[in-house]
PDB file of all heavy atoms in Angstrom:
ATOM      1  N   GLU A   1      17.515  14.692  -3.339  1.00  0.00           N
ATOM      2  CA  GLU A   1      18.962  14.850  -3.233  1.00  0.00           C
ATOM      3  C   GLU A   1      19.377  14.854  -1.757  1.00  0.00           C
ATOM      4  O   GLU A   1      18.561  15.028  -0.867  1.00  0.00           O
ATOM      5  CB  GLU A   1      19.414  16.138  -3.908  1.00  0.00           C
ATOM      6  CG  GLU A   1      19.224  16.145  -5.419  1.00  0.00           C
ATOM      7  CD  GLU A   1      19.725  17.421  -6.049  1.00  0.00           C
ATOM      8  OE1 GLU A   1      19.331  18.513  -5.579  1.00  0.00           O
ATOM      9  OE2 GLU A   1      20.519  17.342  -7.008  1.00  0.00           O
ATOM     10  N   LEU A   2      20.687  14.658  -1.527  1.00  0.00           N
ATOM     11  CA  LEU A   2      21.225  14.588  -0.159  1.00  0.00           C
ATOM     12  C   LEU A   2      20.413  13.608   0.668  1.00  0.00           C
ATOM     13  O   LEU A   2      20.060  13.857   1.820  1.00  0.00           O
ATOM     14  CB  LEU A   2      21.236  15.976   0.478  1.00  0.00           C
ATOM     15  CG  LEU A   2      22.016  17.045  -0.279  1.00  0.00           C
ATOM     16  CD1 LEU A   2      21.852  18.398   0.382  1.00  0.00           C
ATOM     17  CD2 LEU A   2      23.494  16.668  -0.385  1.00  0.00           C
ATOM     18  N   CYS A   3      20.126  12.490   0.040  1.00  0.00           N
ATOM     19  CA  CYS A   3      19.237  11.491   0.618  1.00  0.00           C
ATOM     20  C   CYS A   3      20.067  10.302   1.116  1.00  0.00           C
ATOM     21  O   CYS A   3      20.622   9.551   0.310  1.00  0.00           O
ATOM     22  CB  CYS A   3      18.222  11.047  -0.437  1.00  0.00           C
ATOM     23  SG  CYS A   3      17.091   9.770   0.096  1.00  0.00           S
ATOM     24  N   GLU A   4      20.141  10.136   2.419  1.00  0.00           N
ATOM     25  CA  GLU A   4      20.915   9.030   2.988  1.00  0.00           C
ATOM     26  C   GLU A   4      20.024   7.810   3.179  1.00  0.00           C
ATOM     27  O   GLU A   4      19.030   7.851   3.918  1.00  0.00           O
ATOM     28  CB  GLU A   4      21.521   9.429   4.335  1.00  0.00           C
ATOM     29  CG  GLU A   4      22.352   8.328   4.955  1.00  0.00           C
ATOM     30  CD  GLU A   4      22.951   8.720   6.290  1.00  0.00           C
ATOM     31  OE1 GLU A   4      22.835   9.904   6.665  1.00  0.00           O
ATOM     32  OE2 GLU A   4      23.529   7.835   6.950  1.00  0.00           O
ATOM     33  N   ILE A   5      20.369   6.724   2.503  1.00  0.00           N
ATOM     34  CA  ILE A   5      19.607   5.486   2.628  1.00  0.00           C
ATOM     35  C   ILE A   5      20.097   4.734   3.860  1.00  0.00           C
ATOM     36  O   ILE A   5      21.290   4.428   3.982  1.00  0.00           O
ATOM     37  CB  ILE A   5      19.755   4.628   1.361  1.00  0.00           C
ATOM     38  CG1 ILE A   5      19.111   5.351   0.174  1.00  0.00           C
ATOM     39  CG2 ILE A   5      19.125   3.252   1.556  1.00  0.00           C
ATOM     40  CD1 ILE A   5      19.287   4.640  -1.159  1.00  0.00           C
ATOM     41  N   THR A   6      19.174   4.456   4.762  1.00  0.00           N
ATOM     42  CA  THR A   6      19.534   3.797   6.028  1.00  0.00           C
ATOM     43  C   THR A   6      19.275   2.298   5.994  1.00  0.00           C
ATOM     44  O   THR A   6      19.861   1.557   6.788  1.00  0.00           O
ATOM     45  CB  THR A   6      18.742   4.421   7.182  1.00  0.00           C
ATOM     46  OG1 THR A   6      17.323   4.307   6.908  1.00  0.00           O
ATOM     47  CG2 THR A   6      19.099   5.902   7.337  1.00  0.00           C
ATOM     48  N   ALA A   7      18.409   1.836   5.102  1.00  0.00           N
ATOM     49  CA  ALA A   7      18.122   0.399   4.996  1.00  0.00           C
ATOM     50  C   ALA A   7      17.606   0.098   3.598  1.00  0.00           C
ATOM     51  O   ALA A   7      16.914   0.911   2.985  1.00  0.00           O
ATOM     52  CB  ALA A   7      17.095  -0.036   6.039  1.00  0.00           C
ATOM     53  N   LEU A   8      17.970  -1.083   3.108  1.00  0.00           N
ATOM     54  CA  LEU A   8      17.560  -1.491   1.762  1.00  0.00           C
ATOM     55  C   LEU A   8      17.145  -2.954   1.805  1.00  0.00           C
ATOM     56  O   LEU A   8      17.947  -3.831   2.120  1.00  0.00           O
ATOM     57  CB  LEU A   8      18.726  -1.302   0.787  1.00  0.00           C
ATOM     58  CG  LEU A   8      18.499  -1.676  -0.675  1.00  0.00           C
ATOM     59  CD1 LEU A   8      17.427  -0.797  -1.290  1.00  0.00           C
ATOM     60  CD2 LEU A   8      19.798  -1.540  -1.460  1.00  0.00           C
ATOM     61  N   ASP A   9      15.874  -3.219   1.512  1.00  0.00           N
ATOM     62  CA  ASP A   9      15.344  -4.589   1.497  1.00  0.00           C
ATOM     63  C   ASP A   9      14.911  -4.924   0.081  1.00  0.00           C
ATOM     64  O   ASP A   9      13.897  -4.424  -0.405  1.00  0.00           O
ATOM     65  CB  ASP A   9      14.166  -4.708   2.463  1.00  0.00           C
ATOM     66  CG  ASP A   9      13.634  -6.134   2.553  1.00  0.00           C
ATOM     67  OD1 ASP A   9      14.208  -7.031   1.891  1.00  0.00           O
ATOM     68  OD2 ASP A   9      12.640  -6.349   3.264  1.00  0.00           O
ATOM     69  N   LEU A  10      15.697  -5.769  -0.577  1.00  0.00           N
ATOM     70  CA  LEU A  10      15.415  -6.126  -1.970  1.00  0.00           C
ATOM     71  C   LEU A  10      14.733  -7.473  -2.098  1.00  0.00           C
ATOM     72  O   LEU A  10      14.493  -7.945  -3.209  1.00  0.00           O
ATOM     73  CB  LEU A  10      16.734  -6.134  -2.765  1.00  0.00           C
ATOM     74  CG  LEU A  10      17.494  -4.800  -2.806  1.00  0.00           C
ATOM     75  CD1 LEU A  10      18.798  -4.966  -3.569  1.00  0.00           C
ATOM     76  CD2 LEU A  10      16.643  -3.710  -3.423  1.00  0.00           C
ATOM     77  N   SER A  11      14.395  -8.086  -0.990  1.00  0.00           N
ATOM     78  CA  SER A  11      13.714  -9.389  -1.025  1.00  0.00           C
ATOM     79  C   SER A  11      12.219  -9.185  -1.212  1.00  0.00           C
ATOM     80  O   SER A  11      11.685  -8.103  -0.969  1.00  0.00           O
ATOM     81  CB  SER A  11      13.985 -10.155   0.270  1.00  0.00           C
ATOM     82  OG  SER A  11      13.449  -9.447   1.389  1.00  0.00           O
ATOM     83  N   GLY A  12      11.554 -10.216  -1.657  1.00  0.00           N
ATOM     84  CA  GLY A  12      10.109 -10.149  -1.812  1.00  0.00           C
ATOM     85  C   GLY A  12       9.689  -9.437  -3.091  1.00  0.00           C
ATOM     86  O   GLY A  12      10.506  -8.868  -3.824  1.00  0.00           O
ATOM     87  N   ASP A  13       8.400  -9.437  -3.351  1.00  0.00           N
ATOM     88  CA  ASP A  13       7.879  -8.807  -4.569  1.00  0.00           C
ATOM     89  C   ASP A  13       7.929  -7.287  -4.497  1.00  0.00           C
ATOM     90  O   ASP A  13       8.061  -6.616  -5.521  1.00  0.00           O
ATOM     91  CB  ASP A  13       6.438  -9.258  -4.823  1.00  0.00           C
ATOM     92  CG  ASP A  13       6.341 -10.746  -5.148  1.00  0.00           C
ATOM     93  OD1 ASP A  13       7.348 -11.295  -5.646  1.00  0.00           O
ATOM     94  OD2 ASP A  13       5.284 -11.352  -4.888  1.00  0.00           O
ATOM     95  N   ILE A  14       7.792  -6.751  -3.309  1.00  0.00           N
ATOM     96  CA  ILE A  14       7.866  -5.295  -3.108  1.00  0.00           C
ATOM     97  C   ILE A  14       9.159  -4.969  -2.373  1.00  0.00           C
ATOM     98  O   ILE A  14       9.404  -5.443  -1.270  1.00  0.00           O
ATOM     99  CB  ILE A  14       6.650  -4.770  -2.324  1.00  0.00           C
ATOM    100  CG1 ILE A  14       5.352  -5.113  -3.050  1.00  0.00           C
ATOM    101  CG2 ILE A  14       6.761  -3.257  -2.123  1.00  0.00           C
ATOM    102  CD1 ILE A  14       5.236  -4.486  -4.445  1.00  0.00           C
ATOM    103  N   LYS A  15       9.987  -4.155  -3.014  1.00  0.00           N
ATOM    104  CA  LYS A  15      11.259  -3.751  -2.417  1.00  0.00           C
ATOM    105  C   LYS A  15      11.037  -2.507  -1.557  1.00  0.00           C
ATOM    106  O   LYS A  15      10.142  -1.707  -1.823  1.00  0.00           O
ATOM    107  CB  LYS A  15      12.301  -3.436  -3.497  1.00  0.00           C
ATOM    108  CG  LYS A  15      12.238  -4.330  -4.723  1.00  0.00           C
ATOM    109  CD  LYS A  15      12.432  -5.791  -4.420  1.00  0.00           C
ATOM    110  CE  LYS A  15      12.346  -6.608  -5.705  1.00  0.00           C
ATOM    111  NZ  LYS A  15      12.411  -8.060  -5.451  1.00  0.00           N
ATOM    112  N   ALA A  16      11.866  -2.340  -0.541  1.00  0.00           N
ATOM    113  CA  ALA A  16      11.726  -1.192   0.352  1.00  0.00           C
ATOM    114  C   ALA A  16      13.064  -0.483   0.522  1.00  0.00           C
ATOM    115  O   ALA A  16      14.096  -1.121   0.739  1.00  0.00           O
ATOM    116  CB  ALA A  16      11.196  -1.632   1.717  1.00  0.00           C
ATOM    117  N   VAL A  17      13.026   0.833   0.409  1.00  0.00           N
ATOM    118  CA  VAL A  17      14.211   1.669   0.590  1.00  0.00           C
ATOM    119  C   VAL A  17      13.883   2.681   1.689  1.00  0.00           C
ATOM    120  O   VAL A  17      12.986   3.506   1.530  1.00  0.00           O
ATOM    121  CB  VAL A  17      14.596   2.406  -0.702  1.00  0.00           C
ATOM    122  CG1 VAL A  17      15.878   3.218  -0.480  1.00  0.00           C
ATOM    123  CG2 VAL A  17      14.766   1.439  -1.858  1.00  0.00           C
ATOM    124  N   ALA A  18      14.597   2.601   2.782  1.00  0.00           N
ATOM    125  CA  ALA A  18      14.341   3.478   3.916  1.00  0.00           C
ATOM    126  C   ALA A  18      15.387   4.584   3.971  1.00  0.00           C
ATOM    127  O   ALA A  18      16.588   4.339   3.795  1.00  0.00           O
ATOM    128  CB  ALA A  18      14.351   2.687   5.219  1.00  0.00           C
ATOM    129  N   THR A  19      14.943   5.814   4.219  1.00  0.00           N
ATOM    130  CA  THR A  19      15.823   6.953   4.435  1.00  0.00           C
ATOM    131  C   THR A  19      15.542   7.494   5.832  1.00  0.00           C
ATOM    132  O   THR A  19      14.710   6.946   6.574  1.00  0.00           O
ATOM    133  CB  THR A  19      15.598   8.052   3.384  1.00  0.00           C
ATOM    134  OG1 THR A  19      14.320   8.661   3.601  1.00  0.00           O
ATOM    135  CG2 THR A  19      15.643   7.462   1.974  1.00  0.00           C
ATOM    136  N   GLU A  20      16.185   8.576   6.191  1.00  0.00           N
ATOM    137  CA  GLU A  20      15.953   9.165   7.507  1.00  0.00           C
ATOM    138  C   GLU A  20      14.547   9.725   7.642  1.00  0.00           C
ATOM    139  O   GLU A  20      14.037   9.867   8.758  1.00  0.00           O
ATOM    140  CB  GLU A  20      16.976  10.259   7.764  1.00  0.00           C
ATOM    141  CG  GLU A  20      18.411   9.751   7.877  1.00  0.00           C
ATOM    142  CD  GLU A  20      19.399  10.880   8.072  1.00  0.00           C
ATOM    143  OE1 GLU A  20      19.100  12.007   7.619  1.00  0.00           O
ATOM    144  OE2 GLU A  20      20.458  10.646   8.684  1.00  0.00           O
ATOM    145  N   ASP A  21      13.905  10.045   6.501  1.00  0.00           N
ATOM    146  CA  ASP A  21      12.612  10.722   6.539  1.00  0.00           C
ATOM    147  C   ASP A  21      11.430   9.879   6.086  1.00  0.00           C
ATOM    148  O   ASP A  21      10.294  10.182   6.428  1.00  0.00           O
ATOM    149  CB  ASP A  21      12.651  11.992   5.677  1.00  0.00           C
ATOM    150  CG  ASP A  21      13.747  12.943   6.114  1.00  0.00           C
ATOM    151  OD1 ASP A  21      13.883  13.159   7.325  1.00  0.00           O
ATOM    152  OD2 ASP A  21      14.474  13.455   5.235  1.00  0.00           O
ATOM    153  N   ALA A  22      11.690   8.826   5.278  1.00  0.00           N
ATOM    154  CA  ALA A  22      10.572   8.091   4.700  1.00  0.00           C
ATOM    155  C   ALA A  22      11.007   6.703   4.279  1.00  0.00           C
ATOM    156  O   ALA A  22      12.197   6.377   4.247  1.00  0.00           O
ATOM    157  CB  ALA A  22      10.008   8.856   3.494  1.00  0.00           C
ATOM    158  N   VAL A  23       9.986   5.886   3.940  1.00  0.00           N
ATOM    159  CA  VAL A  23      10.220   4.571   3.360  1.00  0.00           C
ATOM    160  C   VAL A  23       9.573   4.561   1.977  1.00  0.00           C
ATOM    161  O   VAL A  23       8.412   4.933   1.824  1.00  0.00           O
ATOM    162  CB  VAL A  23       9.627   3.443   4.221  1.00  0.00           C
ATOM    163  CG1 VAL A  23       9.765   2.095   3.510  1.00  0.00           C
ATOM    164  CG2 VAL A  23      10.302   3.396   5.586  1.00  0.00           C
ATOM    165  N   TYR A  24      10.335   4.138   0.974  1.00  0.00           N
ATOM    166  CA  TYR A  24       9.841   4.081  -0.396  1.00  0.00           C
ATOM    167  C   TYR A  24       9.712   2.612  -0.792  1.00  0.00           C
ATOM    168  O   TYR A  24      10.628   1.811  -0.541  1.00  0.00           O
ATOM    169  CB  TYR A  24      10.794   4.796  -1.344  1.00  0.00           C
ATOM    170  CG  TYR A  24      11.006   6.258  -0.976  1.00  0.00           C
ATOM    171  CD1 TYR A  24      12.048   6.638  -0.138  1.00  0.00           C
ATOM    172  CD2 TYR A  24      10.153   7.245  -1.445  1.00  0.00           C
ATOM    173  CE1 TYR A  24      12.256   7.966   0.216  1.00  0.00           C
ATOM    174  CE2 TYR A  24      10.340   8.580  -1.098  1.00  0.00           C
ATOM    175  CZ  TYR A  24      11.387   8.935  -0.269  1.00  0.00           C
ATOM    176  OH  TYR A  24      11.566  10.248   0.071  1.00  0.00           O
ATOM    177  N   ALA A  25       8.587   2.272  -1.411  1.00  0.00           N
ATOM    178  CA  ALA A  25       8.326   0.887  -1.786  1.00  0.00           C
ATOM    179  C   ALA A  25       7.986   0.807  -3.272  1.00  0.00           C
ATOM    180  O   ALA A  25       7.313   1.694  -3.811  1.00  0.00           O
ATOM    181  CB  ALA A  25       7.176   0.316  -0.956  1.00  0.00           C
ATOM    182  N   ALA A  26       8.455  -0.271  -3.914  1.00  0.00           N
ATOM    183  CA  ALA A  26       8.190  -0.455  -5.342  1.00  0.00           C
ATOM    184  C   ALA A  26       8.509  -1.888  -5.727  1.00  0.00           C
ATOM    185  O   ALA A  26       9.361  -2.534  -5.100  1.00  0.00           O
ATOM    186  CB  ALA A  26       9.033   0.511  -6.178  1.00  0.00           C
ATOM    187  N   PRO A  27       7.857  -2.395  -6.772  1.00  0.00           N
ATOM    188  CA  PRO A  27       8.176  -3.749  -7.242  1.00  0.00           C
ATOM    189  C   PRO A  27       9.485  -3.807  -8.023  1.00  0.00           C
ATOM    190  O   PRO A  27      10.003  -4.903  -8.273  1.00  0.00           O
ATOM    191  CB  PRO A  27       6.981  -4.085  -8.144  1.00  0.00           C
ATOM    192  CG  PRO A  27       6.467  -2.768  -8.601  1.00  0.00           C
ATOM    193  CD  PRO A  27       6.693  -1.818  -7.471  1.00  0.00           C
ATOM    194  N   ALA A  28      10.018  -2.657  -8.425  1.00  0.00           N
ATOM    195  CA  ALA A  28      11.266  -2.624  -9.195  1.00  0.00           C
ATOM    196  C   ALA A  28      12.214  -1.581  -8.639  1.00  0.00           C
ATOM    197  O   ALA A  28      11.794  -0.482  -8.250  1.00  0.00           O
ATOM    198  CB  ALA A  28      10.980  -2.346 -10.666  1.00  0.00           C
ATOM    199  N   VAL A  29      13.484  -1.926  -8.613  1.00  0.00           N
ATOM    200  CA  VAL A  29      14.538  -1.007  -8.182  1.00  0.00           C
ATOM    201  C   VAL A  29      15.659  -1.032  -9.216  1.00  0.00           C
ATOM    202  O   VAL A  29      16.055  -2.106  -9.691  1.00  0.00           O
ATOM    203  CB  VAL A  29      15.110  -1.401  -6.798  1.00  0.00           C
ATOM    204  CG1 VAL A  29      16.371  -0.597  -6.480  1.00  0.00           C
ATOM    205  CG2 VAL A  29      14.073  -1.192  -5.712  1.00  0.00           C
ATOM    206  N   ILE A  30      16.130   0.145  -9.579  1.00  0.00           N
ATOM    207  CA  ILE A  30      17.284   0.254 -10.479  1.00  0.00           C
ATOM    208  C   ILE A  30      18.458   0.792  -9.673  1.00  0.00           C
ATOM    209  O   ILE A  30      18.382   1.887  -9.105  1.00  0.00           O
ATOM    210  CB  ILE A  30      16.989   1.179 -11.670  1.00  0.00           C
ATOM    211  CG1 ILE A  30      15.852   0.607 -12.523  1.00  0.00           C
ATOM    212  CG2 ILE A  30      18.248   1.372 -12.525  1.00  0.00           C
ATOM    213  CD1 ILE A  30      15.435   1.507 -13.666  1.00  0.00           C
ATOM    214  N   LEU A  31      19.544   0.020  -9.628  1.00  0.00           N
ATOM    215  CA  LEU A  31      20.750   0.422  -8.921  1.00  0.00           C
ATOM    216  C   LEU A  31      21.659   1.157  -9.903  1.00  0.00           C
ATOM    217  O   LEU A  31      22.175   0.568 -10.862  1.00  0.00           O
ATOM    218  CB  LEU A  31      21.474  -0.802  -8.358  1.00  0.00           C
ATOM    219  CG  LEU A  31      20.636  -1.677  -7.413  1.00  0.00           C
ATOM    220  CD1 LEU A  31      21.406  -2.950  -7.060  1.00  0.00           C
ATOM    221  CD2 LEU A  31      20.252  -0.911  -6.154  1.00  0.00           C
ATOM    222  N   ALA A  32      21.848   2.458  -9.675  1.00  0.00           N
ATOM    223  CA  ALA A  32      22.691   3.280 -10.542  1.00  0.00           C
ATOM    224  C   ALA A  32      23.622   4.113  -9.670  1.00  0.00           C
ATOM    225  O   ALA A  32      23.724   5.331  -9.804  1.00  0.00           O
ATOM    226  CB  ALA A  32      21.828   4.164 -11.434  1.00  0.00           C
ATOM    227  N   THR A  33      24.300   3.428  -8.754  1.00  0.00           N
ATOM    228  CA  THR A  33      25.075   4.099  -7.722  1.00  0.00           C
ATOM    229  C   THR A  33      26.457   4.551  -8.191  1.00  0.00           C
ATOM    230  O   THR A  33      27.143   5.290  -7.482  1.00  0.00           O
ATOM    231  CB  THR A  33      25.234   3.176  -6.505  1.00  0.00           C
ATOM    232  OG1 THR A  33      25.693   1.887  -6.954  1.00  0.00           O
ATOM    233  CG2 THR A  33      23.910   2.998  -5.788  1.00  0.00           C
ATOM    234  N   GLY A  34      26.899   4.102  -9.370  1.00  0.00           N
ATOM    235  CA  GLY A  34      28.116   4.608  -9.958  1.00  0.00           C
ATOM    236  C   GLY A  34      29.388   4.241  -9.209  1.00  0.00           C
ATOM    237  O   GLY A  34      29.477   3.191  -8.565  1.00  0.00           O
ATOM    238  N   ARG A  35      30.360   5.129  -9.293  1.00  0.00           N
ATOM    239  CA  ARG A  35      31.681   4.879  -8.714  1.00  0.00           C
ATOM    240  C   ARG A  35      32.200   6.120  -7.995  1.00  0.00           C
ATOM    241  O   ARG A  35      31.669   7.212  -8.157  1.00  0.00           O
ATOM    242  CB  ARG A  35      32.675   4.495  -9.827  1.00  0.00           C
ATOM    243  CG  ARG A  35      32.283   3.254 -10.595  1.00  0.00           C
ATOM    244  CD  ARG A  35      33.331   2.849 -11.611  1.00  0.00           C
ATOM    245  NE  ARG A  35      33.407   3.753 -12.743  1.00  0.00           N
ATOM    246  CZ  ARG A  35      34.174   3.548 -13.808  1.00  0.00           C
ATOM    247  NH1 ARG A  35      34.941   2.476 -13.866  1.00  0.00           N
ATOM    248  NH2 ARG A  35      34.184   4.412 -14.817  1.00  0.00           N
ATOM    249  N   THR A  36      33.257   5.930  -7.206  1.00  0.00           N
ATOM    250  CA  THR A  36      33.941   7.031  -6.541  1.00  0.00           C
ATOM    251  C   THR A  36      35.433   6.944  -6.864  1.00  0.00           C
ATOM    252  O   THR A  36      35.956   5.868  -7.154  1.00  0.00           O
ATOM    253  CB  THR A  36      33.764   6.982  -5.014  1.00  0.00           C
ATOM    254  OG1 THR A  36      34.153   5.677  -4.544  1.00  0.00           O
ATOM    255  CG2 THR A  36      32.326   7.251  -4.634  1.00  0.00           C
ATOM    256  N   PRO A  37      36.149   8.076  -6.829  1.00  0.00           N
ATOM    257  CA  PRO A  37      37.571   8.074  -7.176  1.00  0.00           C
ATOM    258  C   PRO A  37      38.401   7.197  -6.243  1.00  0.00           C
ATOM    259  O   PRO A  37      38.146   7.108  -5.039  1.00  0.00           O
ATOM    260  CB  PRO A  37      37.965   9.544  -7.038  1.00  0.00           C
ATOM    261  CG  PRO A  37      36.689  10.308  -7.187  1.00  0.00           C
ATOM    262  CD  PRO A  37      35.637   9.441  -6.575  1.00  0.00           C
TER     263      PRO A  37
END
């Protein structure tokens, strides 16, 4: 929680999601970012 994503690379077979503290990698990403008022 309270996780700010600083970079998102969806190209290639392995996707990468970078935050201020770590980089997360996976072959699949689900975008469930929702909406704001």
